[in-house]
Structure formats: C-alpha cells, structure tokens
C-alpha cells in the first residue's frame, strides 16, 4: 500500500515513520509519525464507513466529557478500501492480571461512567445479544469435525460435556438492565499509563446489550490467568463498577451463566480453523477451552466473587 499517497488523501504531511500494529485481529492498523502528529490508521475490513461515522459522533461527545477515547476520527476511501485515522492515545497495553486491584476497581468505575454517558446520548433500542446457542446445533458441528489434529481433545471433551449440561441452557433473554456497551473491552483495546487508564480503543462492536454481560465478558477476558479467573481482581473490578452504577447480583449471576454457556457451545474458532483454514484465532480457542474447564468446576466460586463485590460497593 502507498502510505504516502494515503497520507496526502488525509491532508497530512510526509510520513517519517510507518509501523504496523499487530494487536488487532480483524482490521490492519498502522502507526504514522507525521509533522501533524502521531496517528493510528485502520483499514476497514469488518466494519462499515457508516458505522465509523456514527462512532465519530459518539466519541466526540465522550471525549468532551473526559473519557479517554480516540477523537477525532477521519475517514477516506483510497484504492478501493476505506481507512479511518485517529490521534494516537498515550499508554501501553497491559494484561488484566498485571493490574493492581485498585486499578481494577478504577477501571470498573470508568466503565460505569461510560455506560451512563452512552445512555444519555444514544436512543433506547432492543438488545443485540443473540439467543444462547442450543446443544443440538453445537453437537452437530462438533460431530463433523476431525477426530485428530487441531482441537481434537477439546472436541471430545465438549461432546461429553454438552449432553450433561443441556438442561442448563440460559433463558432466551438475558436479564437487564440494558444499554449501549463497547462490546470488546480486552487488553488489546485498553491503554494504561502507569496505573491510569488512558485509552479505550476499537468501538466497532458498539451495540445494546445487558450491562452485566459486558461486565462479565470483560472480567473473563482481562482476569484470565491461564489457569482460571483471578477472583480478587474480578471482585475489585465489579466493586468499582457498583460504586458508580447499580446492578443486581441476579443480573451478574445470569450474565456469568450466559458467558459460561457461550464458552461451552461456541464453535466459531473451530469452524474458522477447519472450514476456512484460518489460524488467526487458534490461540483464543486454546485459552477459552482452558477457561471453560476451570469455569465448569468453579461456578460457585465466581458467584461468591460477584456477591463479595456487592457487599463492598
């Protein structure tokens, strides 16, 4: 790609440095150093220009209220692709298990403030969270996959597990409260300077979901040690959220149940590997498989961590 020509399209000066950013999984990203500043440029592959334009308006409001989000975002079409440009935010990516518990608490509080602000500036809409997968569909996919090679041990494990837990399928509608959520708060999309959150990136999954689902999904990703969840950090994170926004134990327990079910029934990573020859997500499959095994035997422990967060909020 001709980065200099793309920089001209954005109205920037010459690029003194262009570095590919490898944190993203879907959209290629680059860091540009220019006389006008340092920017991140993204080629849009799994998000539409219209969605980015909506993000731009929302992020401008969030930034004006002090939230650490990339703004302003500029869009242009170049060589049959769309590109988005935003100022580079300060900070580095850190794993959630490396964050001090007070930082986990503060992160939860920022997330609560973000949910509140999004609720103020966006209209109410129905939840975009799909109904939970059913066991027969998951079993049908697992049963047709190879019994050797990638994922074979885990496939066999899930073929045994799913009939045992079929009666535990969550209800079709995950309990609220509902609202606009970021949708993908992972260590790839958060920046910290020391113990201070300085960047919330990649708003491509912005949609209406149960707040509890965003909380539990975020905690399950950030505080996964590789051998299970770091429950004290989970409690600190939820306590921080609950210090700024009310959410019931029941909503969080339901969200935890739903997230565990999603791990048990999800076949996306396996289908990408076996049906499409795409190994991009192989490491995520192994990580989610380890977490599923831990979660299945520690559901009561996670429920206790949630209750502890309510007691301390």
Protein backbone atom coordinates (compact mmCIF):
# COMPACT_ATOMS: atom_id res chain seq x y z
CA UNK A 1 0.00 0.00 0.00
CA UNK A 2 1.18 3.54 -0.79
CA UNK A 3 1.10 5.10 2.67
CA UNK A 4 2.40 8.44 1.41
CA UNK A 5 -0.46 8.77 -1.05
CA UNK A 6 -2.95 7.82 1.67
CA UNK A 7 -1.43 10.43 3.99
CA UNK A 8 -1.93 13.02 1.24
CA UNK A 9 -5.57 11.96 0.99
CA UNK A 10 -5.92 12.65 4.72
CA UNK A 11 -4.25 16.04 4.29
CA UNK A 12 -1.19 15.18 6.35
CA UNK A 13 2.44 15.98 5.72
CA UNK A 14 5.04 13.36 4.80
CA UNK A 15 5.22 10.22 6.93
CA UNK A 16 8.51 10.00 8.82
CA UNK A 17 7.70 6.57 10.30
CA UNK A 18 5.12 3.88 9.48
CA UNK A 19 4.85 0.90 11.86
CA UNK A 20 2.35 -1.96 11.55
CA UNK A 21 0.40 -2.54 14.77
CA UNK A 22 -0.10 -6.22 15.47
CA UNK A 23 -2.57 -6.08 18.37
CA UNK A 24 -5.67 -6.13 16.18
CA UNK A 25 -7.16 -9.35 14.84
CA UNK A 26 -9.53 -8.17 12.11
CA UNK A 27 -8.59 -4.74 10.71
CA UNK A 28 -4.98 -3.95 9.69
CA UNK A 29 -3.58 -0.99 11.65
CA UNK A 30 -0.52 1.24 11.32
CA UNK A 31 1.12 3.90 13.43
CA UNK A 32 2.14 7.01 11.49
CA UNK A 33 4.58 9.68 12.59
CA UNK A 34 3.95 12.90 10.66
CA UNK A 35 4.65 16.63 11.08
CA UNK A 36 0.97 16.98 12.04
CA UNK A 37 1.24 14.47 14.88
CA UNK A 38 1.17 10.74 15.57
CA UNK A 39 -1.84 8.81 14.31
CA UNK A 40 -3.30 5.32 14.09
CA UNK A 41 -4.68 4.38 10.67
CA UNK A 42 -7.04 1.42 10.22
CA UNK A 43 -8.20 -0.29 7.05
CA UNK A 44 -11.88 -1.13 7.45
CA UNK A 45 -12.46 -4.83 6.88
CA UNK A 46 -15.26 -5.85 9.25
CA UNK A 47 -16.94 -2.50 9.91
CA UNK A 48 -18.71 -0.16 7.51
CA UNK A 49 -17.90 3.51 6.91
CA UNK A 50 -21.42 4.34 8.12
CA UNK A 51 -20.72 2.64 11.45
CA UNK A 52 -17.46 4.56 11.82
CA UNK A 53 -19.25 7.83 11.12
CA UNK A 54 -21.67 7.04 13.93
CA UNK A 55 -18.73 6.18 16.19
CA UNK A 56 -17.12 9.52 15.33
CA UNK A 57 -20.12 11.50 16.60
CA UNK A 58 -20.37 9.43 19.78
CA UNK A 59 -16.66 9.53 20.56
CA UNK A 60 -16.55 13.29 20.16
CA UNK A 61 -19.15 13.58 22.92
CA UNK A 62 -17.42 11.04 25.16
CA UNK A 63 -14.08 12.81 24.70
CA UNK A 64 -15.67 16.15 25.56
CA UNK A 65 -16.79 14.60 28.85
CA UNK A 66 -13.28 13.43 29.69
CA UNK A 67 -13.39 9.79 28.66
CA UNK A 68 -10.09 8.57 27.11
CA UNK A 69 -11.34 7.69 23.62
CA UNK A 70 -9.81 8.27 20.17
CA UNK A 71 -11.18 11.51 18.72
CA UNK A 72 -11.49 12.97 16.17
CA UNK A 73 -11.78 10.15 13.63
CA UNK A 74 -11.34 10.96 9.92
CA UNK A 75 -12.47 8.71 7.06
CA UNK A 76 -11.35 8.44 3.46
CA UNK A 77 -11.60 6.00 0.56
CA UNK A 78 -8.36 5.05 -1.17
CA UNK A 79 -7.52 2.37 -3.71
CA UNK A 80 -10.89 0.60 -3.27
CA UNK A 81 -10.62 0.46 0.54
CA UNK A 82 -11.88 2.67 3.34
CA UNK A 83 -9.48 3.92 6.02
CA UNK A 84 -10.01 5.61 9.38
CA UNK A 85 -7.46 7.87 11.07
CA UNK A 86 -7.38 8.93 14.73
CA UNK A 87 -4.81 10.53 17.03
CA UNK A 88 -2.60 8.05 18.88
CA UNK A 89 -3.58 7.88 22.54
CA UNK A 90 -0.84 7.58 25.17
CA UNK A 91 -0.18 4.41 27.13
CA UNK A 92 0.62 0.75 26.70
CA UNK A 93 -1.41 -2.45 26.61
CA UNK A 94 -1.34 -4.42 29.87
CA UNK A 95 -2.79 -7.75 30.83
CA UNK A 96 -5.58 -7.55 33.36
CA UNK A 97 -3.78 -9.85 35.78
CA UNK A 98 -0.90 -7.35 35.82
CA UNK A 99 -3.17 -4.53 37.02
CA UNK A 100 -3.13 -3.71 40.73
CA UNK A 101 -6.50 -4.34 42.43
CA UNK A 102 -7.10 -0.57 42.91
CA UNK A 103 -6.58 -0.15 39.15
CA UNK A 104 -9.14 -2.90 38.52
CA UNK A 105 -11.54 -1.00 40.79
CA UNK A 106 -10.91 2.25 38.91
CA UNK A 107 -11.42 0.50 35.57
CA UNK A 108 -14.83 -0.71 36.73
CA UNK A 109 -15.74 2.82 37.83
CA UNK A 110 -14.73 4.25 34.43
CA UNK A 111 -16.81 1.60 32.69
CA UNK A 112 -19.82 2.58 34.82
CA UNK A 113 -19.35 6.23 33.86
CA UNK A 114 -19.05 5.26 30.20
CA UNK A 115 -22.30 3.27 30.33
CA UNK A 116 -24.05 6.21 31.99
CA UNK A 117 -22.84 8.67 29.37
CA UNK A 118 -23.77 6.38 26.47
CA UNK A 119 -27.25 6.01 27.91
CA UNK A 120 -27.59 9.79 27.96
CA UNK A 121 -26.55 10.39 24.36
CA UNK A 122 -27.99 7.40 22.47
CA UNK A 123 -31.58 6.27 21.98
CA UNK A 124 -33.02 3.21 23.67
CA UNK A 125 -33.02 0.13 21.46
CA UNK A 126 -33.60 -3.62 21.92
CA UNK A 127 -30.70 -5.83 22.92
CA UNK A 128 -28.47 -7.06 20.11
CA UNK A 129 -27.31 -10.08 22.14
CA UNK A 130 -28.42 -13.19 20.24
CA UNK A 131 -30.26 -16.03 21.92
CA UNK A 132 -27.95 -18.59 23.52
CA UNK A 133 -26.80 -21.41 21.25
CA UNK A 134 -28.57 -24.74 21.60
CA UNK A 135 -26.82 -28.00 22.33
CA UNK A 136 -28.02 -29.96 19.25
CA UNK A 137 -26.60 -27.32 16.91
CA UNK A 138 -23.26 -27.26 18.72
CA UNK A 139 -23.09 -31.07 18.79
CA UNK A 140 -23.82 -31.24 15.07
CA UNK A 141 -20.83 -29.02 14.31
CA UNK A 142 -18.51 -30.80 16.75
CA UNK A 143 -19.52 -34.23 15.44
CA UNK A 144 -18.49 -33.46 11.85
CA UNK A 145 -15.03 -32.10 12.75
CA UNK A 146 -11.88 -34.25 12.50
CA UNK A 147 -11.22 -36.50 15.49
CA UNK A 148 -7.48 -35.91 15.24
CA UNK A 149 -5.40 -32.80 14.76
CA UNK A 150 -6.29 -29.31 15.96
CA UNK A 151 -8.72 -29.23 18.86
CA UNK A 152 -9.33 -32.97 18.93
CA UNK A 153 -9.01 -33.34 22.71
CA UNK A 154 -11.29 -30.39 23.36
CA UNK A 155 -13.81 -31.54 20.77
CA UNK A 156 -14.04 -34.89 22.54
CA UNK A 157 -14.40 -33.12 25.90
CA UNK A 158 -17.27 -30.96 24.67
CA UNK A 159 -19.04 -33.89 23.03
CA UNK A 160 -19.17 -35.42 26.52
CA UNK A 161 -19.93 -32.17 28.37
CA UNK A 162 -22.74 -30.71 26.31
CA UNK A 163 -25.31 -33.52 26.81
CA UNK A 164 -24.59 -33.31 30.56
CA UNK A 165 -25.33 -29.57 30.76
CA UNK A 166 -28.11 -29.33 28.15
CA UNK A 167 -30.72 -28.62 30.83
CA UNK A 168 -28.71 -25.59 31.99
CA UNK A 169 -29.29 -23.58 28.82
CA UNK A 170 -29.87 -19.92 29.80
CA UNK A 171 -33.18 -18.22 29.01
CA UNK A 172 -33.54 -16.68 25.56
CA UNK A 173 -33.46 -13.19 27.04
CA UNK A 174 -30.57 -12.32 29.37
CA UNK A 175 -31.85 -10.18 32.25
CA UNK A 176 -31.19 -6.42 32.09
CA UNK A 177 -30.59 -3.64 32.67
CA UNK A 178 -29.83 -2.98 29.01
CA UNK A 179 -27.89 -0.19 27.38
CA UNK A 180 -25.22 0.77 24.88
CA UNK A 181 -21.95 -1.05 25.51
CA UNK A 182 -18.46 -1.03 24.00
CA UNK A 183 -18.66 -4.75 23.24
CA UNK A 184 -14.97 -5.69 23.14
CA UNK A 185 -13.11 -4.47 26.22
CA UNK A 186 -9.97 -6.60 26.04
CA UNK A 187 -6.34 -5.90 26.85
CA UNK A 188 -5.87 -5.16 23.13
CA UNK A 189 -8.34 -2.29 23.38
CA UNK A 190 -7.25 -0.68 26.65
CA UNK A 191 -4.23 1.56 27.26
CA UNK A 192 -2.67 2.44 30.60
CA UNK A 193 -0.06 4.96 31.63
CA UNK A 194 1.18 3.59 34.91
CA UNK A 195 -1.98 2.69 36.81
CA UNK A 196 -4.17 5.20 34.96
CA UNK A 197 -6.48 4.24 32.10
CA UNK A 198 -5.56 6.47 29.15
CA UNK A 199 -7.24 4.82 26.18
CA UNK A 200 -10.40 2.88 25.28
CA UNK A 201 -9.94 1.77 21.67
CA UNK A 202 -11.82 0.00 18.86
CA UNK A 203 -15.51 0.88 19.12
CA UNK A 204 -16.57 -1.32 16.20
CA UNK A 205 -18.73 -3.56 18.45
CA UNK A 206 -20.76 -0.72 19.95
CA UNK A 207 -24.30 -2.08 20.48
CA UNK A 208 -27.09 -2.53 23.02
CA UNK A 209 -26.55 -5.44 25.41
CA UNK A 210 -27.17 -6.26 29.06
CA UNK A 211 -24.66 -4.29 31.14
CA UNK A 212 -23.97 -7.42 33.15
CA UNK A 213 -22.90 -9.27 30.02
CA UNK A 214 -20.31 -6.58 29.19
CA UNK A 215 -19.02 -6.67 32.78
CA UNK A 216 -18.67 -10.45 32.97
CA UNK A 217 -17.26 -10.77 29.45
CA UNK A 218 -14.66 -8.10 30.23
CA UNK A 219 -13.72 -9.71 33.54
CA UNK A 220 -13.44 -13.16 31.95
CA UNK A 221 -11.02 -11.83 29.34
CA UNK A 222 -8.95 -9.44 31.43
CA UNK A 223 -8.56 -11.53 34.57
CA UNK A 224 -7.93 -14.93 32.98
CA UNK A 225 -4.65 -16.23 34.42
CA UNK A 226 -4.45 -19.17 32.03
CA UNK A 227 -5.48 -21.46 34.88
CA UNK A 228 -8.76 -19.74 35.74
CA UNK A 229 -10.04 -16.33 36.76
CA UNK A 230 -8.25 -14.11 39.28
CA UNK A 231 -11.28 -13.76 41.53
CA UNK A 232 -9.97 -10.97 43.80
CA UNK A 233 -9.42 -8.81 40.72
CA UNK A 234 -12.85 -9.74 39.40
CA UNK A 235 -14.34 -8.59 42.71
CA UNK A 236 -12.33 -5.34 42.65
CA UNK A 237 -13.47 -4.61 39.09
CA UNK A 238 -17.15 -5.26 39.84
CA UNK A 239 -16.92 -3.30 43.09
CA UNK A 240 -15.61 -0.31 41.16
CA UNK A 241 -18.49 -0.52 38.74
CA UNK A 242 -21.04 -0.85 41.50
CA UNK A 243 -19.61 2.18 43.27
CA UNK A 244 -20.86 4.26 40.32
CA UNK A 245 -23.83 2.29 38.90
CA UNK A 246 -26.33 -0.07 40.42
CA UNK A 247 -26.57 -3.59 39.07
CA UNK A 248 -28.04 -6.55 40.90
CA UNK A 249 -26.46 -9.83 41.87
CA UNK A 250 -29.14 -11.57 39.82
CA UNK A 251 -28.16 -9.69 36.65
CA UNK A 252 -24.48 -10.52 37.13
CA UNK A 253 -25.11 -14.16 38.02
CA UNK A 254 -27.27 -14.50 34.90
CA UNK A 255 -24.56 -12.89 32.79
CA UNK A 256 -21.94 -15.24 34.25
CA UNK A 257 -24.17 -18.22 33.47
CA UNK A 258 -24.63 -16.97 29.91
CA UNK A 259 -20.90 -16.38 29.39
CA UNK A 260 -20.05 -19.88 30.65
CA UNK A 261 -22.68 -21.32 28.31
CA UNK A 262 -21.21 -19.40 25.38
CA UNK A 263 -17.78 -20.87 26.09
CA UNK A 264 -19.28 -24.38 26.20
CA UNK A 265 -21.29 -24.13 22.98
CA UNK A 266 -19.18 -21.80 20.82
CA UNK A 267 -17.70 -23.40 17.69
CA UNK A 268 -16.52 -20.24 15.90
CA UNK A 269 -12.78 -20.82 16.44
CA UNK A 270 -13.02 -24.45 15.35
CA UNK A 271 -15.01 -23.56 12.24
CA UNK A 272 -12.54 -20.85 11.29
CA UNK A 273 -9.67 -23.34 11.58
CA UNK A 274 -11.20 -26.41 9.95
CA UNK A 275 -13.64 -24.90 7.45
CA UNK A 276 -11.69 -21.83 6.36
CA UNK A 277 -8.07 -22.71 7.07
CA UNK A 278 -7.81 -19.57 9.21
CA UNK A 279 -5.46 -19.98 12.18
CA UNK A 280 -5.85 -16.40 13.40
CA UNK A 281 -7.92 -17.42 16.39
CA UNK A 282 -6.23 -20.70 17.36
CA UNK A 283 -4.66 -19.18 20.48
CA UNK A 284 -8.05 -17.86 21.59
CA UNK A 285 -9.56 -21.32 21.18
CA UNK A 286 -6.93 -22.86 23.47
CA UNK A 287 -7.40 -20.08 26.02
CA UNK A 288 -11.20 -20.31 26.05
CA UNK A 289 -11.01 -24.10 26.32
CA UNK A 290 -8.84 -23.90 29.43
CA UNK A 291 -11.16 -21.32 30.94
CA UNK A 292 -14.24 -23.43 30.19
CA UNK A 293 -12.81 -26.37 32.09
CA UNK A 294 -11.99 -24.15 35.09
CA UNK A 295 -15.32 -22.32 34.98
CA UNK A 296 -17.36 -25.54 34.85
CA UNK A 297 -15.96 -26.62 38.21
CA UNK A 298 -15.76 -23.13 39.82
CA UNK A 299 -19.13 -21.58 39.03
CA UNK A 300 -19.94 -21.25 42.74
CA UNK A 301 -16.60 -19.51 43.36
CA UNK A 302 -17.35 -16.90 40.70
CA UNK A 303 -20.83 -16.38 42.13
CA UNK A 304 -19.21 -15.75 45.51
CA UNK A 305 -16.84 -13.20 43.96
CA UNK A 306 -19.84 -11.39 42.47
CA UNK A 307 -21.65 -11.33 45.81
CA UNK A 308 -18.50 -10.04 47.51
CA UNK A 309 -18.45 -7.15 45.04
CA UNK A 310 -21.99 -6.20 46.06
CA UNK A 311 -21.03 -6.33 49.77
CA UNK A 312 -18.09 -3.94 49.23
CA UNK A 313 -19.67 -1.48 46.81
